[in-house]
Each structure stands twice: as structure tokens, then as C-alpha cells.
Amino acid sequence: LEQCLRSVAAAAAGIDVETIVVDNESSDGS
């Protein structure tokens, strides 16, 4: 997910974007 969000941040430059992550009770401290 960290890698995904990094790529999203790079691709979203100059675009009016909001990003929402819903965590389905992860046990890995996401």
C-alpha cells in the first residue's frame, strides 16, 4: 500500500484529488 500511495502521489500532481484508504482491521499496524 505504501508503494501504491507513492505512485498515486506522483501521478496525481496537478490534479484535484482526494485519497481515502479504508482499512479492514489490519493486524500489521497499517
Full PDB file with SEQRES, HELIX, SHEET, SSBOND, CRYST1, ORIGX, SCALE, CONECT and MASTER records, all heavy atoms in Angstrom:
SEQRES   1 A   30  LEU GLU GLN CYS LEU ARG SER VAL ALA ALA ALA ALA ALA          
SEQRES   2 A   30  GLY ILE ASP VAL GLU THR ILE VAL VAL ASP ASN GLU SER          
SEQRES   3 A   30  SER ASP GLY SER                                              
HELIX    1 AA1 GLU A    2  ALA A   11  1                                  10    
CRYST1    1.000    1.000    1.000  90.00  90.00  90.00 P 1           1          
ORIGX1      1.000000  0.000000  0.000000        0.00000                         
ORIGX2      0.000000  1.000000  0.000000        0.00000                         
ORIGX3      0.000000  0.000000  1.000000        0.00000                         
SCALE1      1.000000  0.000000  0.000000        0.00000                         
SCALE2      0.000000  1.000000  0.000000        0.00000                         
SCALE3      0.000000  0.000000  1.000000        0.00000                         
ATOM      1  N   LEU A   1       0.825  -1.199   0.000  1.00  0.00           N  
ATOM      2  CA  LEU A   1       0.000   0.000   0.000  1.00  0.00           C  
ATOM      3  C   LEU A   1       0.862   1.253   0.000  1.00  0.00           C  
ATOM      4  O   LEU A   1       0.549   2.237  -0.684  1.00  0.00           O  
ATOM      5  CB  LEU A   1      -0.929  -0.007   1.221  1.00  0.00           C  
ATOM      6  CG  LEU A   1      -1.806   1.231   1.419  1.00  0.00           C  
ATOM      7  CD1 LEU A   1      -2.652   1.532   0.191  1.00  0.00           C  
ATOM      8  CD2 LEU A   1      -2.694   1.056   2.654  1.00  0.00           C  
ATOM      9  N   GLU A   2       1.962   1.232   0.738  1.00  0.00           N  
ATOM     10  CA  GLU A   2       2.885   2.373   0.721  1.00  0.00           C  
ATOM     11  C   GLU A   2       3.390   2.623  -0.702  1.00  0.00           C  
ATOM     12  O   GLU A   2       3.426   3.768  -1.177  1.00  0.00           O  
ATOM     13  CB  GLU A   2       4.070   2.107   1.647  1.00  0.00           C  
ATOM     14  CG  GLU A   2       5.112   3.222   1.633  1.00  0.00           C  
ATOM     15  CD  GLU A   2       6.350   2.894   2.459  1.00  0.00           C  
ATOM     16  OE1 GLU A   2       6.454   1.753   2.967  1.00  0.00           O  
ATOM     17  OE2 GLU A   2       7.224   3.787   2.584  1.00  0.00           O  
ATOM     18  N   GLN A   3       3.788   1.556  -1.388  1.00  0.00           N  
ATOM     19  CA  GLN A   3       4.260   1.693  -2.764  1.00  0.00           C  
ATOM     20  C   GLN A   3       3.157   2.241  -3.664  1.00  0.00           C  
ATOM     21  O   GLN A   3       3.393   3.114  -4.505  1.00  0.00           O  
ATOM     22  CB  GLN A   3       4.735   0.328  -3.277  1.00  0.00           C  
ATOM     23  CG  GLN A   3       5.248   0.339  -4.695  1.00  0.00           C  
ATOM     24  CD  GLN A   3       5.848  -1.003  -5.077  1.00  0.00           C  
ATOM     25  OE1 GLN A   3       7.043  -1.123  -5.296  1.00  0.00           O  
ATOM     26  NE2 GLN A   3       5.010  -2.026  -5.165  1.00  0.00           N  
ATOM     27  N   CYS A   4       1.945   1.725  -3.495  1.00  0.00           N  
ATOM     28  CA  CYS A   4       0.801   2.200  -4.272  1.00  0.00           C  
ATOM     29  C   CYS A   4       0.567   3.690  -4.053  1.00  0.00           C  
ATOM     30  O   CYS A   4       0.382   4.459  -5.010  1.00  0.00           O  
ATOM     31  CB  CYS A   4      -0.447   1.397  -3.899  1.00  0.00           C  
ATOM     32  SG  CYS A   4      -1.970   1.962  -4.690  1.00  0.00           S  
ATOM     33  N   LEU A   5       0.574   4.118  -2.791  1.00  0.00           N  
ATOM     34  CA  LEU A   5       0.323   5.529  -2.471  1.00  0.00           C  
ATOM     35  C   LEU A   5       1.433   6.428  -3.009  1.00  0.00           C  
ATOM     36  O   LEU A   5       1.174   7.574  -3.405  1.00  0.00           O  
ATOM     37  CB  LEU A   5       0.169   5.704  -0.959  1.00  0.00           C  
ATOM     38  CG  LEU A   5      -1.103   5.106  -0.351  1.00  0.00           C  
ATOM     39  CD1 LEU A   5      -1.067   5.195   1.170  1.00  0.00           C  
ATOM     40  CD2 LEU A   5      -2.341   5.815  -0.885  1.00  0.00           C  
ATOM     41  N   ARG A   6       2.660   5.947  -3.020  1.00  0.00           N  
ATOM     42  CA  ARG A   6       3.754   6.725  -3.606  1.00  0.00           C  
ATOM     43  C   ARG A   6       3.510   6.940  -5.101  1.00  0.00           C  
ATOM     44  O   ARG A   6       3.735   8.032  -5.637  1.00  0.00           O  
ATOM     45  CB  ARG A   6       5.091   6.024  -3.378  1.00  0.00           C  
ATOM     46  CG  ARG A   6       5.585   6.044  -1.933  1.00  0.00           C  
ATOM     47  CD  ARG A   6       6.958   5.375  -1.827  1.00  0.00           C  
ATOM     48  NE  ARG A   6       7.417   5.277  -0.458  1.00  0.00           N  
ATOM     49  CZ  ARG A   6       8.030   6.247   0.220  1.00  0.00           C  
ATOM     50  NH1 ARG A   6       8.255   7.411  -0.387  1.00  0.00           N  
ATOM     51  NH2 ARG A   6       8.412   6.072   1.467  1.00  0.00           N  
ATOM     52  N   SER A   7       3.083   5.888  -5.784  1.00  0.00           N  
ATOM     53  CA  SER A   7       2.820   6.021  -7.213  1.00  0.00           C  
ATOM     54  C   SER A   7       1.615   6.913  -7.477  1.00  0.00           C  
ATOM     55  O   SER A   7       1.602   7.683  -8.441  1.00  0.00           O  
ATOM     56  CB  SER A   7       2.619   4.640  -7.851  1.00  0.00           C  
ATOM     57  OG  SER A   7       1.383   4.056  -7.496  1.00  0.00           O  
ATOM     58  N   VAL A   8       0.617   6.837  -6.618  1.00  0.00           N  
ATOM     59  CA  VAL A   8      -0.566   7.698  -6.752  1.00  0.00           C  
ATOM     60  C   VAL A   8      -0.177   9.162  -6.569  1.00  0.00           C  
ATOM     61  O   VAL A   8      -0.619  10.040  -7.323  1.00  0.00           O  
ATOM     62  CB  VAL A   8      -1.647   7.292  -5.731  1.00  0.00           C  
ATOM     63  CG1 VAL A   8      -2.710   8.386  -5.596  1.00  0.00           C  
ATOM     64  CG2 VAL A   8      -2.298   5.984  -6.144  1.00  0.00           C  
ATOM     65  N   ALA A   9       0.646   9.439  -5.559  1.00  0.00           N  
ATOM     66  CA  ALA A   9       1.058  10.821  -5.305  1.00  0.00           C  
ATOM     67  C   ALA A   9       1.796  11.408  -6.504  1.00  0.00           C  
ATOM     68  O   ALA A   9       1.576  12.574  -6.877  1.00  0.00           O  
ATOM     69  CB  ALA A   9       1.944  10.876  -4.061  1.00  0.00           C  
ATOM     70  N   ALA A  10       2.639  10.598  -7.139  1.00  0.00           N  
ATOM     71  CA  ALA A  10       3.371  11.078  -8.315  1.00  0.00           C  
ATOM     72  C   ALA A  10       2.427  11.310  -9.486  1.00  0.00           C  
ATOM     73  O   ALA A  10       2.550  12.294 -10.225  1.00  0.00           O  
ATOM     74  CB  ALA A  10       4.454  10.078  -8.698  1.00  0.00           C  
ATOM     75  N   ALA A  11       1.453  10.419  -9.671  1.00  0.00           N  
ATOM     76  CA  ALA A  11       0.533  10.527 -10.796  1.00  0.00           C  
ATOM     77  C   ALA A  11      -0.512  11.625 -10.593  1.00  0.00           C  
ATOM     78  O   ALA A  11      -1.089  12.122 -11.561  1.00  0.00           O  
ATOM     79  CB  ALA A  11      -0.164   9.191 -11.025  1.00  0.00           C  
ATOM     80  N   ALA A  12      -0.766  12.005  -9.338  1.00  0.00           N  
ATOM     81  CA  ALA A  12      -1.821  12.979  -9.035  1.00  0.00           C  
ATOM     82  C   ALA A  12      -1.340  14.420  -9.074  1.00  0.00           C  
ATOM     83  O   ALA A  12      -2.134  15.345  -8.856  1.00  0.00           O  
ATOM     84  CB  ALA A  12      -2.414  12.674  -7.660  1.00  0.00           C  
ATOM     85  N   ALA A  13      -0.068  14.641  -9.345  1.00  0.00           N  
ATOM     86  CA  ALA A  13       0.463  16.004  -9.375  1.00  0.00           C  
ATOM     87  C   ALA A  13      -0.307  16.854 -10.382  1.00  0.00           C  
ATOM     88  O   ALA A  13      -0.471  16.473 -11.536  1.00  0.00           O  
ATOM     89  CB  ALA A  13       1.948  15.970  -9.734  1.00  0.00           C  
ATOM     90  N   GLY A  14      -0.812  18.012  -9.915  1.00  0.00           N  
ATOM     91  CA  GLY A  14      -1.540  18.911 -10.783  1.00  0.00           C  
ATOM     92  C   GLY A  14      -3.007  18.588 -10.946  1.00  0.00           C  
ATOM     93  O   GLY A  14      -3.724  19.277 -11.699  1.00  0.00           O  
ATOM     94  N   ILE A  15      -3.500  17.541 -10.278  1.00  0.00           N  
ATOM     95  CA  ILE A  15      -4.911  17.142 -10.369  1.00  0.00           C  
ATOM     96  C   ILE A  15      -5.572  17.350  -9.013  1.00  0.00           C  
ATOM     97  O   ILE A  15      -4.961  17.111  -7.970  1.00  0.00           O  
ATOM     98  CB  ILE A  15      -5.044  15.657 -10.783  1.00  0.00           C  
ATOM     99  CG1 ILE A  15      -4.282  15.385 -12.088  1.00  0.00           C  
ATOM    100  CG2 ILE A  15      -6.508  15.272 -10.940  1.00  0.00           C  
ATOM    101  CD1 ILE A  15      -4.245  13.911 -12.461  1.00  0.00           C  
ATOM    102  N   ASP A  16      -6.810  17.804  -9.021  1.00  0.00           N  
ATOM    103  CA  ASP A  16      -7.565  17.983  -7.785  1.00  0.00           C  
ATOM    104  C   ASP A  16      -8.042  16.616  -7.297  1.00  0.00           C  
ATOM    105  O   ASP A  16      -9.057  16.090  -7.779  1.00  0.00           O  
ATOM    106  CB  ASP A  16      -8.750  18.916  -8.046  1.00  0.00           C  
ATOM    107  CG  ASP A  16      -9.545  19.241  -6.778  1.00  0.00           C  
ATOM    108  OD1 ASP A  16      -9.015  18.985  -5.671  1.00  0.00           O  
ATOM    109  OD2 ASP A  16     -10.681  19.730  -6.895  1.00  0.00           O  
ATOM    110  N   VAL A  17      -7.296  16.026  -6.363  1.00  0.00           N  
ATOM    111  CA  VAL A  17      -7.509  14.641  -5.957  1.00  0.00           C  
ATOM    112  C   VAL A  17      -7.668  14.536  -4.448  1.00  0.00           C  
ATOM    113  O   VAL A  17      -6.991  15.234  -3.683  1.00  0.00           O  
ATOM    114  CB  VAL A  17      -6.328  13.755  -6.404  1.00  0.00           C  
ATOM    115  CG1 VAL A  17      -6.449  12.353  -5.829  1.00  0.00           C  
ATOM    116  CG2 VAL A  17      -6.253  13.680  -7.919  1.00  0.00           C  
ATOM    117  N   GLU A  18      -8.559  13.664  -4.021  1.00  0.00           N  
ATOM    118  CA  GLU A  18      -8.622  13.245  -2.618  1.00  0.00           C  
ATOM    119  C   GLU A  18      -8.448  11.730  -2.582  1.00  0.00           C  
ATOM    120  O   GLU A  18      -8.954  11.018  -3.451  1.00  0.00           O  
ATOM    121  CB  GLU A  18      -9.955  13.641  -1.969  1.00  0.00           C  
ATOM    122  CG  GLU A  18     -11.174  12.959  -2.567  1.00  0.00           C  
ATOM    123  CD  GLU A  18     -12.462  13.284  -1.813  1.00  0.00           C  
ATOM    124  OE1 GLU A  18     -12.397  13.991  -0.791  1.00  0.00           O  
ATOM    125  OE2 GLU A  18     -13.529  12.816  -2.256  1.00  0.00           O  
ATOM    126  N   THR A  19      -7.684  11.260  -1.607  1.00  0.00           N  
ATOM    127  CA  THR A  19      -7.424   9.821  -1.484  1.00  0.00           C  
ATOM    128  C   THR A  19      -7.926   9.337  -0.140  1.00  0.00           C  
ATOM    129  O   THR A  19      -7.596   9.907   0.906  1.00  0.00           O  
ATOM    130  CB  THR A  19      -5.925   9.515  -1.622  1.00  0.00           C  
ATOM    131  OG1 THR A  19      -5.448  10.030  -2.876  1.00  0.00           O  
ATOM    132  CG2 THR A  19      -5.674   8.017  -1.579  1.00  0.00           C  
ATOM    133  N   ILE A  20      -8.732   8.277  -0.177  1.00  0.00           N  
ATOM    134  CA  ILE A  20      -9.308   7.694   1.037  1.00  0.00           C  
ATOM    135  C   ILE A  20      -8.896   6.226   1.102  1.00  0.00           C  
ATOM    136  O   ILE A  20      -9.124   5.464   0.158  1.00  0.00           O  
ATOM    137  CB  ILE A  20     -10.842   7.797   1.039  1.00  0.00           C  
ATOM    138  CG1 ILE A  20     -11.288   9.254   0.911  1.00  0.00           C  
ATOM    139  CG2 ILE A  20     -11.424   7.168   2.305  1.00  0.00           C  
ATOM    140  CD1 ILE A  20     -12.786   9.429   0.712  1.00  0.00           C  
ATOM    141  N   VAL A  21      -8.282   5.829   2.202  1.00  0.00           N  
ATOM    142  CA  VAL A  21      -7.914   4.436   2.437  1.00  0.00           C  
ATOM    143  C   VAL A  21      -8.802   3.890   3.548  1.00  0.00           C  
ATOM    144  O   VAL A  21      -8.849   4.446   4.645  1.00  0.00           O  
ATOM    145  CB  VAL A  21      -6.437   4.298   2.835  1.00  0.00           C  
ATOM    146  CG1 VAL A  21      -6.126   2.859   3.256  1.00  0.00           C  
ATOM    147  CG2 VAL A  21      -5.528   4.713   1.676  1.00  0.00           C  
ATOM    148  N   VAL A  22      -9.523   2.810   3.247  1.00  0.00           N  
ATOM    149  CA  VAL A  22     -10.331   2.132   4.253  1.00  0.00           C  
ATOM    150  C   VAL A  22      -9.589   0.875   4.682  1.00  0.00           C  
ATOM    151  O   VAL A  22      -9.307  -0.002   3.857  1.00  0.00           O  
ATOM    152  CB  VAL A  22     -11.729   1.760   3.715  1.00  0.00           C  
ATOM    153  CG1 VAL A  22     -12.541   1.067   4.808  1.00  0.00           C  
ATOM    154  CG2 VAL A  22     -12.463   3.002   3.219  1.00  0.00           C  
ATOM    155  N   ASP A  23      -9.258   0.795   5.955  1.00  0.00           N  
ATOM    156  CA  ASP A  23      -8.519  -0.348   6.479  1.00  0.00           C  
ATOM    157  C   ASP A  23      -9.491  -1.336   7.119  1.00  0.00           C  
ATOM    158  O   ASP A  23     -10.206  -1.001   8.061  1.00  0.00           O  
ATOM    159  CB  ASP A  23      -7.490   0.110   7.508  1.00  0.00           C  
ATOM    160  CG  ASP A  23      -6.640  -1.052   8.001  1.00  0.00           C  
ATOM    161  OD1 ASP A  23      -5.716  -1.446   7.271  1.00  0.00           O  
ATOM    162  OD2 ASP A  23      -6.921  -1.566   9.103  1.00  0.00           O  
ATOM    163  N   ASN A  24      -9.507  -2.564   6.583  1.00  0.00           N  
ATOM    164  CA  ASN A  24     -10.427  -3.596   7.070  1.00  0.00           C  
ATOM    165  C   ASN A  24      -9.840  -4.359   8.262  1.00  0.00           C  
ATOM    166  O   ASN A  24      -9.672  -5.572   8.237  1.00  0.00           O  
ATOM    167  CB  ASN A  24     -10.768  -4.564   5.937  1.00  0.00           C  
ATOM    168  CG  ASN A  24     -12.012  -4.155   5.177  1.00  0.00           C  
ATOM    169  OD1 ASN A  24     -12.778  -3.305   5.626  1.00  0.00           O  
ATOM    170  ND2 ASN A  24     -12.230  -4.747   4.012  1.00  0.00           N  
ATOM    171  N   GLU A  25      -9.507  -3.582   9.305  1.00  0.00           N  
ATOM    172  CA  GLU A  25      -8.995  -4.131  10.561  1.00  0.00           C  
ATOM    173  C   GLU A  25      -7.716  -4.940  10.351  1.00  0.00           C  
ATOM    174  O   GLU A  25      -7.607  -6.101  10.773  1.00  0.00           O  
ATOM    175  CB  GLU A  25     -10.053  -4.986  11.266  1.00  0.00           C  
ATOM    176  CG  GLU A  25      -9.809  -5.127  12.759  1.00  0.00           C  
ATOM    177  CD  GLU A  25     -10.945  -5.831  13.486  1.00  0.00           C  
ATOM    178  OE1 GLU A  25     -11.548  -6.766  12.920  1.00  0.00           O  
ATOM    179  OE2 GLU A  25     -11.225  -5.446  14.630  1.00  0.00           O  
ATOM    180  N   SER A  26      -6.731  -4.321   9.721  1.00  0.00           N  
ATOM    181  CA  SER A  26      -5.434  -4.969   9.537  1.00  0.00           C  
ATOM    182  C   SER A  26      -4.763  -5.189  10.882  1.00  0.00           C  
ATOM    183  O   SER A  26      -4.913  -4.395  11.813  1.00  0.00           O  
ATOM    184  CB  SER A  26      -4.529  -4.105   8.657  1.00  0.00           C  
ATOM    185  OG  SER A  26      -5.051  -3.993   7.356  1.00  0.00           O  
ATOM    186  N   SER A  27      -3.977  -6.258  10.961  1.00  0.00           N  
ATOM    187  CA  SER A  27      -3.251  -6.560  12.192  1.00  0.00           C  
ATOM    188  C   SER A  27      -1.762  -6.236  12.066  1.00  0.00           C  
ATOM    189  O   SER A  27      -0.985  -6.564  12.961  1.00  0.00           O  
ATOM    190  CB  SER A  27      -3.423  -8.049  12.531  1.00  0.00           C  
ATOM    191  OG  SER A  27      -2.965  -8.869  11.468  1.00  0.00           O  
ATOM    192  N   ASP A  28      -1.383  -5.588  10.951  1.00  0.00           N  
ATOM    193  CA  ASP A  28       0.036  -5.302  10.714  1.00  0.00           C  
ATOM    194  C   ASP A  28       0.410  -3.851  11.016  1.00  0.00           C  
ATOM    195  O   ASP A  28       1.497  -3.399  10.659  1.00  0.00           O  
ATOM    196  CB  ASP A  28       0.410  -5.646   9.271  1.00  0.00           C  
ATOM    197  CG  ASP A  28      -0.314  -4.770   8.244  1.00  0.00           C  
ATOM    198  OD1 ASP A  28      -1.228  -4.009   8.635  1.00  0.00           O  
ATOM    199  OD2 ASP A  28       0.035  -4.846   7.050  1.00  0.00           O  
ATOM    200  N   GLY A  29      -0.492  -3.109  11.675  1.00  0.00           N  
ATOM    201  CA  GLY A  29      -0.200  -1.714  12.012  1.00  0.00           C  
ATOM    202  C   GLY A  29      -0.168  -0.794  10.810  1.00  0.00           C  
ATOM    203  O   GLY A  29       0.597   0.179  10.787  1.00  0.00           O  
ATOM    204  N   SER A  30      -1.009  -1.073   9.815  1.00  0.00           N  
ATOM    205  CA  SER A  30      -1.001  -0.313   8.562  1.00  0.00           C  
ATOM    206  C   SER A  30      -1.201   1.184   8.779  1.00  0.00           C  
ATOM    207  O   SER A  30      -0.423   2.010   8.291  1.00  0.00           O  
ATOM    208  CB  SER A  30      -2.091  -0.835   7.617  1.00  0.00           C  
ATOM    209  OG  SER A  30      -1.788  -2.118   7.136  1.00  0.00           O  
TER     210      SER A  30                                                      
MASTER        0    0    0    1    0    0    0    6  209    1    0    3          
END                                                                             
